[in-house]
Amino acid sequence: MALHSSGDSEDITRAEYHAMHDPTVFQINHRFKIKLSQLKYFTFTIIGIALLWPWNCFLSASAFYSERFEHSPQLVKIYSSTMMSVSTITSALYNYYLSQVQVGVNYKHRVNVGFSMTIGVFIIMAFSCVLNFFISLDDYVFFTGLMIMVFISAAATCLAQNGTMAIVNVMGDIYANGVMVGQAIAGVLPSIALIVSILIVGNKKSDADKKNQYVDKNYGVFIYYITASLISVLSISLLYLTNHHKVENTYKTLNHMVEEQQPLTSSDEDEEEDPEISQKTYVPFVVLWSKLKFIVLTIFLTFGITLIFPVFASTVGSVQTESDHILLQRKIFIPFVYLVWNLGDLLGRVCCGRPRLGVLIKNPKVLLIYSIARIVFIPLFLTCNVYSTSTAKSSAIINSDTWYLLLQFLFGLSNGQLCTSCFMIVGNNCDTDDEKEAAGGFTAVFLSVGLAFGSVFSYLLVLMINR
């Protein structure tokens, strides 16, 4: 669109130009306004929550399944490890497959298919907690079906994640930040819910409570699973809504130009429309590796090292072992540690989206060095009350809960800063839209392999601590 070259006319025309590119999509009394760019950021934040919520569902339901399989103790012992193995192996293999299928792919379609599969899986999982047909199934049959649902859920998340990262790599780094912030929120919410539920239930359990506890927990998990489906529905709806407003805005802009009898130049057209998220040419891994090797190695190391966090979070207790304060009891202290770590992770991700704070790291080599340096947290955690039990005295080298909580907060903060910086700068290190889209699958492969490596490394760490 041509802009006038002088005075107020230029300002007015520029204002109109930006208003058409970032229109107001919702408004209340001229005071509360939501711009299209804000709606897009919110959309990808919700998508980020939806990407991680299924994993949190299966993890948080471990207590429920320990009672569901109470007549098959061997299934209780292997549930968590089997669930994580099925999920991480499926993610690694399917992410690699998706990264190779590039030409002609509609990445928005992948997002919609992934979330549609998630909706179906978690509706089934929800009713498996309350219908007699599922409850009365043989433990081994139910366990097999449960692992199939984990497998399908992991594949669905791969589809949605692959499509999402391809889209945000093209749209801009701020939307990649929205996805990362959403994932951090999905980590914080279960921790808060668990602490609140423990505080509400307390220690008093009569025989009647114990008799009804299984039924109550069934409906609690039912609601949690249904929430996963609802978040996926919301993600699909918001993605459609943002695309609808983009198309509607393009029509209004073209109509305005016709009325003004102003020609649409090629540069105007490129700026007006968001890039079509459909890859046209195949981009080999060797090309992406040459441009993103430091970034993907950082992703691999960051998530690999981060998975030591649950080992210490579930092992380290308060140094005040003789205190009767409820917040220092293991059943509250351990969930509180998870909350502290997740709050640090959330803060790191949010700060990366605020340019003035200077938290975003744009140099890939610095990111790699930073990710390697996080290994120092392992000996630092060993200074805490690692060998604690509910009755033993503190064995901490540094006898301070504040020190331990500070370490967990910083460990979470560094994770949030590193992973968000990596995913936000991917697009800036690619030259074409096809490379940016292919990079979505490329980075997902290293993320899933990093998680698989981290899970193995965490087992070795557990053996070292417990020897």
Protein backbone atom coordinates (compact mmCIF):
# COMPACT_ATOMS: atom_id res chain seq x y z
CA MET A 1 0.00 0.00 0.00
CA ALA A 2 1.37 3.41 -0.88
CA LEU A 3 2.03 5.73 2.07
CA HIS A 4 1.88 9.51 1.92
CA SER A 5 5.23 11.13 2.37
CA SER A 6 4.57 14.01 4.71
CA GLY A 7 2.93 15.19 7.91
CA ASP A 8 -0.08 13.70 9.62
CA SER A 9 -1.26 11.98 6.47
CA GLU A 10 1.67 9.55 6.65
CA ASP A 11 0.99 8.77 10.32
CA ILE A 12 -2.67 8.14 9.70
CA THR A 13 -1.97 5.91 6.72
CA ARG A 14 0.63 3.92 8.63
CA ALA A 15 -1.82 3.49 11.50
CA GLU A 16 -4.44 2.19 9.10
CA TYR A 17 -1.87 -0.10 7.50
CA HIS A 18 -0.87 -1.68 10.83
CA ALA A 19 -4.50 -1.88 11.93
CA MET A 20 -5.29 -3.98 8.87
CA HIS A 21 -2.33 -6.30 9.49
CA ASP A 22 -3.01 -6.66 13.22
CA PRO A 23 -6.73 -5.95 13.60
CA THR A 24 -8.70 -5.98 16.83
CA VAL A 25 -10.58 -9.28 17.03
CA PHE A 26 -12.31 -8.71 20.38
CA GLN A 27 -13.17 -5.51 22.23
CA ILE A 28 -15.12 -4.41 25.32
CA ASN A 29 -16.06 -0.72 25.69
CA HIS A 30 -12.93 0.52 23.89
CA ARG A 31 -10.87 -0.41 26.97
CA PHE A 32 -10.17 -4.10 26.64
CA LYS A 33 -8.89 -5.09 23.21
CA ILE A 34 -7.40 -8.29 21.83
CA LYS A 35 -5.31 -7.93 18.70
CA LEU A 36 -4.88 -10.72 16.16
CA SER A 37 -1.21 -11.10 17.16
CA GLN A 38 -2.24 -11.51 20.81
CA LEU A 39 -4.84 -14.12 19.83
CA LYS A 40 -2.17 -16.01 17.90
CA TYR A 41 0.21 -15.97 20.88
CA PHE A 42 -2.57 -17.20 23.17
CA THR A 43 -3.43 -19.91 20.64
CA PHE A 44 0.10 -21.29 20.59
CA THR A 45 0.31 -21.08 24.38
CA ILE A 46 -2.79 -23.29 24.63
CA ILE A 47 -1.30 -25.61 22.01
CA GLY A 48 1.85 -25.83 24.15
CA ILE A 49 -0.28 -26.88 27.13
CA ALA A 50 -2.08 -29.46 24.99
CA LEU A 51 1.22 -30.95 23.77
CA LEU A 52 2.44 -31.77 27.27
CA TRP A 53 -0.85 -32.48 29.04
CA PRO A 54 -1.19 -36.10 27.80
CA TRP A 55 2.24 -37.02 29.24
CA ASN A 56 1.29 -35.40 32.55
CA CYS A 57 -2.00 -37.31 32.55
CA PHE A 58 -0.34 -40.70 32.36
CA LEU A 59 2.29 -39.72 34.94
CA SER A 60 -0.19 -38.23 37.38
CA ALA A 61 -2.46 -41.27 37.07
CA SER A 62 0.27 -43.61 38.36
CA ALA A 63 -1.25 -43.57 41.86
CA PHE A 64 -4.65 -44.56 40.43
CA TYR A 65 -3.17 -47.44 38.44
CA SER A 66 -1.25 -48.67 41.48
CA GLU A 67 -4.69 -49.33 43.03
CA ARG A 68 -6.22 -50.50 39.76
CA PHE A 69 -3.55 -53.24 39.58
CA GLU A 70 -3.43 -53.99 43.30
CA HIS A 71 -4.03 -57.70 42.59
CA SER A 72 -1.08 -57.74 40.15
CA PRO A 73 1.84 -56.16 42.05
CA GLN A 74 4.25 -56.83 39.19
CA LEU A 75 2.22 -54.52 36.95
CA VAL A 76 2.37 -51.78 39.58
CA LYS A 77 6.17 -52.01 39.61
CA ILE A 78 6.57 -51.74 35.84
CA TYR A 79 3.82 -49.21 35.02
CA SER A 80 5.91 -46.00 35.12
CA SER A 81 8.99 -47.46 33.41
CA THR A 82 6.91 -49.22 30.73
CA MET A 83 4.82 -46.12 30.11
CA MET A 84 7.92 -43.93 29.71
CA SER A 85 9.68 -46.50 27.51
CA VAL A 86 6.68 -46.91 25.18
CA SER A 87 6.22 -43.13 24.99
CA THR A 88 9.87 -42.15 24.42
CA ILE A 89 10.64 -44.93 21.92
CA THR A 90 7.47 -44.20 19.96
CA SER A 91 8.28 -40.48 19.94
CA ALA A 92 11.85 -41.00 18.76
CA LEU A 93 10.91 -43.33 15.91
CA TYR A 94 7.78 -41.49 14.75
CA ASN A 95 9.42 -38.07 14.96
CA TYR A 96 12.19 -39.36 12.70
CA TYR A 97 9.60 -40.70 10.23
CA LEU A 98 7.69 -37.41 10.22
CA SER A 99 10.91 -35.46 9.72
CA GLN A 100 11.54 -37.40 6.50
CA VAL A 101 8.03 -36.92 5.09
CA GLN A 102 8.22 -33.28 4.06
CA VAL A 103 7.17 -32.49 0.48
CA GLY A 104 3.56 -31.39 0.09
CA VAL A 105 2.86 -31.70 3.82
CA ASN A 106 0.19 -29.43 5.27
CA TYR A 107 1.48 -28.81 8.79
CA LYS A 108 -1.78 -27.35 10.07
CA HIS A 109 -3.45 -30.60 9.03
CA ARG A 110 -0.87 -32.52 11.09
CA VAL A 111 -1.73 -30.41 14.13
CA ASN A 112 -5.46 -31.01 13.67
CA VAL A 113 -5.03 -34.76 13.13
CA GLY A 114 -2.74 -35.06 16.15
CA PHE A 115 -5.13 -33.28 18.49
CA SER A 116 -8.13 -35.17 17.07
CA MET A 117 -6.36 -38.44 17.94
CA THR A 118 -5.63 -37.09 21.43
CA ILE A 119 -9.31 -36.24 21.93
CA GLY A 120 -10.34 -39.78 21.03
CA VAL A 121 -7.68 -41.44 23.20
CA PHE A 122 -8.49 -39.47 26.32
CA ILE A 123 -12.24 -39.84 25.98
CA ILE A 124 -11.65 -43.60 26.00
CA MET A 125 -9.21 -43.28 28.91
CA ALA A 126 -11.68 -41.16 30.87
CA PHE A 127 -14.49 -43.70 30.58
CA SER A 128 -12.09 -46.54 31.37
CA CYS A 129 -12.00 -45.12 34.91
CA VAL A 130 -15.75 -45.19 35.53
CA LEU A 131 -17.38 -47.89 33.38
CA ASN A 132 -17.75 -51.34 34.88
CA PHE A 133 -16.78 -52.97 31.59
CA PHE A 134 -13.26 -51.54 31.83
CA ILE A 135 -12.95 -51.84 35.61
CA SER A 136 -13.83 -55.54 35.52
CA LEU A 137 -11.32 -56.36 32.77
CA ASP A 138 -8.46 -58.71 33.57
CA ASP A 139 -5.46 -56.71 34.83
CA TYR A 140 -3.13 -57.90 32.06
CA VAL A 141 -5.70 -57.19 29.33
CA PHE A 142 -6.33 -53.72 30.73
CA PHE A 143 -2.59 -53.05 31.05
CA THR A 144 -2.04 -54.04 27.41
CA GLY A 145 -4.84 -51.74 26.29
CA LEU A 146 -3.41 -48.96 28.45
CA MET A 147 -0.01 -49.25 26.78
CA ILE A 148 -1.70 -49.16 23.36
CA MET A 149 -3.35 -45.89 24.39
CA VAL A 150 0.06 -44.55 25.50
CA PHE A 151 1.46 -45.55 22.10
CA ILE A 152 -1.34 -43.80 20.17
CA SER A 153 -1.12 -40.74 22.42
CA ALA A 154 2.64 -40.46 21.83
CA ALA A 155 2.13 -40.70 18.07
CA ALA A 156 -0.62 -38.06 18.22
CA THR A 157 1.62 -35.70 20.18
CA CYS A 158 4.38 -36.21 17.60
CA LEU A 159 2.02 -35.18 14.81
CA ALA A 160 0.80 -32.09 16.66
CA GLN A 161 4.29 -31.10 17.81
CA ASN A 162 5.83 -31.57 14.37
CA GLY A 163 3.16 -29.42 12.75
CA THR A 164 3.24 -26.78 15.48
CA MET A 165 7.01 -26.25 15.39
CA ALA A 166 6.99 -26.05 11.58
CA ILE A 167 4.30 -23.36 11.76
CA VAL A 168 5.95 -21.22 14.44
CA ASN A 169 9.38 -21.47 12.78
CA VAL A 170 7.83 -19.70 9.79
CA MET A 171 5.55 -17.31 11.69
CA GLY A 172 8.20 -15.96 14.07
CA ASP A 173 10.13 -16.61 17.26
CA ILE A 174 7.56 -15.00 19.56
CA TYR A 175 5.05 -17.73 18.70
CA ALA A 176 7.66 -20.40 19.41
CA ASN A 177 7.95 -18.72 22.81
CA GLY A 178 4.19 -19.11 23.26
CA VAL A 179 4.45 -22.88 22.70
CA MET A 180 7.30 -23.19 25.20
CA VAL A 181 5.47 -21.12 27.83
CA GLY A 182 2.37 -23.29 27.36
CA GLN A 183 4.38 -26.44 27.99
CA ALA A 184 5.76 -24.93 31.20
CA ILE A 185 2.24 -24.05 32.36
CA ALA A 186 1.25 -27.67 31.73
CA GLY A 187 4.03 -28.64 34.13
CA VAL A 188 3.01 -26.20 36.85
CA LEU A 189 -0.72 -26.99 36.98
CA PRO A 190 -0.48 -30.70 37.98
CA SER A 191 1.96 -29.84 40.79
CA ILE A 192 -0.43 -27.26 42.22
CA ALA A 193 -3.40 -29.63 41.84
CA LEU A 194 -1.54 -32.43 43.64
CA ILE A 195 -0.50 -30.21 46.58
CA VAL A 196 -4.01 -28.79 46.97
CA SER A 197 -5.60 -32.24 46.86
CA ILE A 198 -3.20 -33.55 49.55
CA LEU A 199 -3.87 -30.53 51.78
CA ILE A 200 -7.62 -30.94 51.39
CA VAL A 201 -7.62 -34.68 52.07
CA GLY A 202 -5.16 -34.38 55.00
CA ASN A 203 -4.25 -37.36 57.16
CA LYS A 204 -7.69 -38.31 58.46
CA LYS A 205 -9.11 -41.31 56.68
CA SER A 206 -11.86 -43.31 58.27
CA ASP A 207 -12.82 -46.78 57.13
CA ALA A 208 -15.66 -45.26 55.13
CA ASP A 209 -13.20 -42.91 53.42
CA LYS A 210 -10.94 -45.82 52.52
CA LYS A 211 -13.91 -47.72 51.14
CA ASN A 212 -14.95 -44.81 48.93
CA GLN A 213 -11.46 -43.59 48.04
CA TYR A 214 -11.16 -45.82 44.96
CA VAL A 215 -14.49 -44.57 43.58
CA ASP A 216 -13.58 -40.93 44.22
CA LYS A 217 -10.21 -41.31 42.56
CA ASN A 218 -11.85 -42.88 39.52
CA TYR A 219 -13.89 -39.74 38.91
CA GLY A 220 -10.94 -37.51 39.68
CA VAL A 221 -8.88 -39.18 36.97
CA PHE A 222 -11.95 -39.13 34.71
CA ILE A 223 -12.09 -35.34 34.97
CA TYR A 224 -8.33 -35.06 34.44
CA TYR A 225 -8.51 -37.14 31.24
CA ILE A 226 -11.54 -35.25 29.96
CA THR A 227 -9.60 -32.02 30.53
CA ALA A 228 -6.91 -33.29 28.13
CA SER A 229 -9.60 -33.75 25.47
CA LEU A 230 -11.10 -30.30 26.12
CA ILE A 231 -7.71 -28.59 25.84
CA SER A 232 -7.16 -30.33 22.50
CA VAL A 233 -10.60 -29.20 21.31
CA LEU A 234 -9.74 -25.64 22.37
CA SER A 235 -6.42 -25.81 20.50
CA ILE A 236 -8.08 -26.89 17.24
CA SER A 237 -10.77 -24.21 17.64
CA LEU A 238 -8.29 -21.40 18.31
CA LEU A 239 -6.09 -22.43 15.38
CA TYR A 240 -9.14 -22.30 13.11
CA LEU A 241 -10.16 -18.93 14.57
CA THR A 242 -6.77 -17.32 13.96
CA ASN A 243 -6.74 -18.59 10.37
CA HIS A 244 -10.31 -17.34 9.86
CA HIS A 245 -9.36 -13.84 11.04
CA LYS A 246 -6.30 -13.86 8.78
CA VAL A 247 -8.40 -14.71 5.72
CA GLU A 248 -11.09 -12.21 6.70
CA ASN A 249 -8.45 -9.51 7.20
CA THR A 250 -6.87 -10.24 3.80
CA TYR A 251 -10.29 -9.81 2.14
CA LYS A 252 -10.90 -6.50 3.92
CA THR A 253 -7.45 -5.22 2.92
CA LEU A 254 -7.95 -6.07 -0.74
CA ASN A 255 -11.44 -4.54 -0.67
CA HIS A 256 -10.04 -1.38 0.93
CA MET A 257 -7.40 -1.11 -1.80
CA VAL A 258 -10.01 -1.46 -4.53
CA GLU A 259 -12.07 1.32 -2.96
CA GLU A 260 -8.97 3.52 -2.71
CA GLN A 261 -7.95 2.47 -6.26
CA GLN A 262 -4.44 1.70 -4.99
CA PRO A 263 -2.51 -1.15 -6.66
CA LEU A 264 -1.25 -4.09 -4.62
CA THR A 265 2.46 -4.56 -5.28
CA SER A 266 4.22 -7.89 -4.91
CA SER A 267 5.96 -6.73 -1.74
CA ASP A 268 2.64 -5.67 -0.24
CA GLU A 269 1.15 -9.03 -1.07
CA ASP A 270 4.01 -10.89 0.59
CA GLU A 271 3.63 -8.82 3.74
CA GLU A 272 -0.13 -9.09 3.79
CA GLU A 273 -0.51 -12.84 3.87
CA ASP A 274 0.98 -15.30 6.32
CA PRO A 275 3.16 -17.91 4.58
CA GLU A 276 1.30 -21.01 3.50
CA ILE A 277 2.37 -23.79 5.83
CA SER A 278 2.87 -26.44 3.16
CA GLN A 279 6.38 -27.60 2.30
CA LYS A 280 7.33 -27.68 -1.38
CA THR A 281 10.82 -29.20 -1.46
CA TYR A 282 12.63 -31.87 0.56
CA VAL A 283 15.39 -30.60 2.86
CA PRO A 284 18.01 -33.27 3.72
CA PHE A 285 19.17 -33.70 7.31
CA VAL A 286 22.74 -32.88 6.25
CA VAL A 287 21.62 -29.38 5.22
CA LEU A 288 19.77 -28.81 8.48
CA TRP A 289 22.69 -30.23 10.48
CA SER A 290 25.10 -27.78 8.84
CA LYS A 291 22.96 -24.87 10.03
CA LEU A 292 21.46 -26.13 13.29
CA LYS A 293 24.02 -28.57 14.74
CA PHE A 294 24.83 -26.47 17.81
CA ILE A 295 21.14 -25.84 18.46
CA VAL A 296 20.00 -29.47 18.20
CA LEU A 297 22.98 -30.69 20.25
CA THR A 298 21.93 -28.19 22.90
CA ILE A 299 18.35 -29.53 22.78
CA PHE A 300 19.64 -33.09 23.14
CA LEU A 301 21.91 -32.27 26.10
CA THR A 302 19.39 -29.98 27.80
CA PHE A 303 16.62 -32.58 27.94
CA GLY A 304 19.05 -35.43 28.59
CA ILE A 305 20.50 -33.69 31.65
CA THR A 306 17.14 -32.30 32.79
CA LEU A 307 15.76 -35.81 33.36
CA ILE A 308 18.00 -36.17 36.41
CA PHE A 309 15.60 -33.72 38.08
CA PRO A 310 12.87 -36.30 38.92
CA VAL A 311 15.53 -38.58 40.45
CA PHE A 312 16.53 -36.01 43.05
CA ALA A 313 13.03 -34.54 43.39
CA SER A 314 11.63 -37.92 44.44
CA THR A 315 14.65 -38.86 46.61
CA VAL A 316 15.72 -35.77 48.51
CA GLY A 317 13.71 -34.98 51.65
CA SER A 318 13.69 -32.06 54.04
CA VAL A 319 16.71 -31.78 56.36
CA GLN A 320 14.26 -31.07 59.18
CA THR A 321 13.31 -34.72 59.53
CA GLU A 322 11.90 -34.32 63.05
CA SER A 323 9.60 -31.44 62.21
CA ASP A 324 5.84 -32.00 62.31
CA HIS A 325 5.10 -29.08 59.99
CA ILE A 326 2.91 -30.33 57.14
CA LEU A 327 4.98 -28.55 54.44
CA LEU A 328 8.09 -30.47 55.53
CA GLN A 329 6.45 -33.90 55.36
CA ARG A 330 7.51 -35.95 52.33
CA LYS A 331 4.00 -36.19 50.89
CA ILE A 332 3.94 -32.37 50.59
CA PHE A 333 7.65 -31.56 50.35
CA ILE A 334 8.25 -33.64 47.22
CA PRO A 335 5.30 -32.19 45.22
CA PHE A 336 6.41 -28.73 46.40
CA VAL A 337 9.89 -29.39 44.96
CA TYR A 338 8.28 -30.30 41.62
CA LEU A 339 6.36 -27.02 41.78
CA VAL A 340 9.52 -25.01 42.51
CA TRP A 341 11.33 -26.60 39.55
CA ASN A 342 8.39 -26.00 37.22
CA LEU A 343 8.05 -22.37 38.36
CA GLY A 344 11.73 -21.82 37.55
CA ASP A 345 11.20 -23.45 34.15
CA LEU A 346 8.16 -21.25 33.49
CA LEU A 347 10.04 -18.09 34.48
CA GLY A 348 12.93 -18.95 32.16
CA ARG A 349 10.57 -19.46 29.24
CA VAL A 350 8.51 -16.32 29.88
CA CYS A 351 11.62 -14.12 30.25
CA CYS A 352 12.94 -15.32 26.87
CA GLY A 353 9.90 -13.70 25.27
CA ARG A 354 10.76 -10.29 26.78
CA PRO A 355 13.54 -8.79 24.62
CA ARG A 356 14.36 -6.02 27.11
CA LEU A 357 15.41 -8.56 29.74
CA GLY A 358 18.20 -9.90 27.54
CA VAL A 359 17.54 -13.50 28.66
CA LEU A 360 17.18 -14.94 25.15
CA ILE A 361 20.48 -16.49 24.01
CA LYS A 362 20.95 -16.13 20.25
CA ASN A 363 24.49 -17.52 19.88
CA PRO A 364 24.26 -21.30 19.23
CA LYS A 365 27.80 -21.95 20.50
CA VAL A 366 27.04 -20.21 23.80
CA LEU A 367 23.89 -22.35 24.12
CA LEU A 368 25.92 -25.55 23.69
CA ILE A 369 28.52 -24.52 26.28
CA TYR A 370 25.75 -23.51 28.70
CA SER A 371 23.97 -26.87 28.27
CA ILE A 372 27.19 -28.80 29.00
CA ALA A 373 27.88 -26.65 32.07
CA ARG A 374 24.58 -27.79 33.64
CA ILE A 375 26.26 -31.09 34.52
CA VAL A 376 27.60 -29.22 37.57
CA PHE A 377 24.11 -29.53 39.10
CA ILE A 378 24.66 -33.26 39.68
CA PRO A 379 27.43 -32.89 42.32
CA LEU A 380 25.59 -29.90 43.76
CA PHE A 381 22.44 -31.99 44.28
CA LEU A 382 24.56 -34.66 45.98
CA THR A 383 25.30 -32.10 48.71
CA CYS A 384 21.63 -32.22 49.70
CA ASN A 385 19.66 -34.72 51.81
CA VAL A 386 19.79 -37.46 49.15
CA TYR A 387 19.71 -40.48 51.45
CA SER A 388 16.84 -39.25 53.61
CA THR A 389 13.99 -41.39 54.88
CA SER A 390 10.99 -40.48 56.98
CA THR A 391 12.84 -41.53 60.16
CA ALA A 392 16.57 -41.09 59.46
CA LYS A 393 18.48 -37.97 60.37
CA SER A 394 19.64 -35.62 57.65
CA SER A 395 22.63 -36.82 55.62
CA ALA A 396 23.07 -33.53 53.76
CA ILE A 397 26.53 -32.02 53.32
CA ILE A 398 24.86 -28.60 53.17
CA ASN A 399 22.15 -28.85 55.81
CA SER A 400 19.64 -26.44 54.31
CA ASP A 401 16.27 -26.84 52.60
CA THR A 402 16.67 -23.34 51.16
CA TRP A 403 19.88 -24.43 49.39
CA TYR A 404 18.15 -27.47 47.87
CA LEU A 405 15.08 -25.51 46.75
CA LEU A 406 17.34 -22.82 45.24
CA LEU A 407 19.19 -25.50 43.26
CA GLN A 408 15.93 -26.93 41.93
CA PHE A 409 14.67 -23.46 40.99
CA LEU A 410 17.89 -22.61 39.14
CA PHE A 411 17.92 -26.00 37.44
CA GLY A 412 14.38 -25.37 36.18
CA LEU A 413 15.23 -21.79 35.21
CA SER A 414 18.23 -22.90 33.14
CA ASN A 415 16.12 -25.58 31.43
CA GLY A 416 13.46 -23.04 30.48
CA GLN A 417 16.03 -20.52 29.22
CA LEU A 418 17.96 -23.07 27.18
CA CYS A 419 15.12 -24.95 25.49
CA THR A 420 13.16 -21.78 24.74
CA SER A 421 16.21 -20.00 23.31
CA CYS A 422 16.89 -23.00 21.07
CA PHE A 423 13.38 -23.23 19.65
CA MET A 424 13.02 -19.45 19.27
CA ILE A 425 16.18 -19.03 17.16
CA VAL A 426 15.72 -22.06 14.89
CA GLY A 427 13.89 -20.02 12.24
CA ASN A 428 16.53 -17.28 12.31
CA ASN A 429 19.23 -19.81 11.41
CA CYS A 430 17.38 -21.14 8.35
CA ASP A 431 17.33 -19.43 4.96
CA THR A 432 14.02 -20.52 3.41
CA ASP A 433 10.51 -21.37 4.58
CA ASP A 434 11.04 -24.98 3.50
CA GLU A 435 14.08 -25.20 5.76
CA LYS A 436 12.14 -23.64 8.64
CA GLU A 437 9.32 -26.13 8.23
CA ALA A 438 11.65 -29.12 7.95
CA ALA A 439 13.51 -27.87 11.03
CA GLY A 440 10.37 -28.51 13.09
CA GLY A 441 10.74 -32.27 12.60
CA PHE A 442 14.53 -32.12 12.81
CA THR A 443 14.51 -30.52 16.26
CA ALA A 444 11.74 -32.86 17.46
CA VAL A 445 13.97 -35.86 16.68
CA PHE A 446 16.76 -34.54 18.89
CA LEU A 447 14.27 -33.63 21.62
CA SER A 448 12.80 -37.15 21.75
CA VAL A 449 16.23 -38.82 21.55
CA GLY A 450 17.43 -36.51 24.34
CA LEU A 451 14.49 -37.59 26.50
CA ALA A 452 15.21 -41.26 25.78
CA PHE A 453 18.89 -40.77 26.65
CA GLY A 454 17.93 -38.87 29.79
CA SER A 455 15.64 -41.66 30.97
CA VAL A 456 18.49 -44.20 30.64
CA PHE A 457 20.93 -41.81 32.33
CA SER A 458 18.48 -41.30 35.20
CA TYR A 459 18.35 -45.07 35.81
CA LEU A 460 22.16 -45.16 36.08
CA LEU A 461 22.03 -42.23 38.50
CA VAL A 462 19.48 -44.04 40.67
CA LEU A 463 21.74 -47.10 40.80
CA MET A 464 24.68 -44.90 41.79
CA ILE A 465 22.72 -43.17 44.58
CA ASN A 466 21.23 -46.39 45.98
CA ARG A 467 24.31 -48.62 45.85
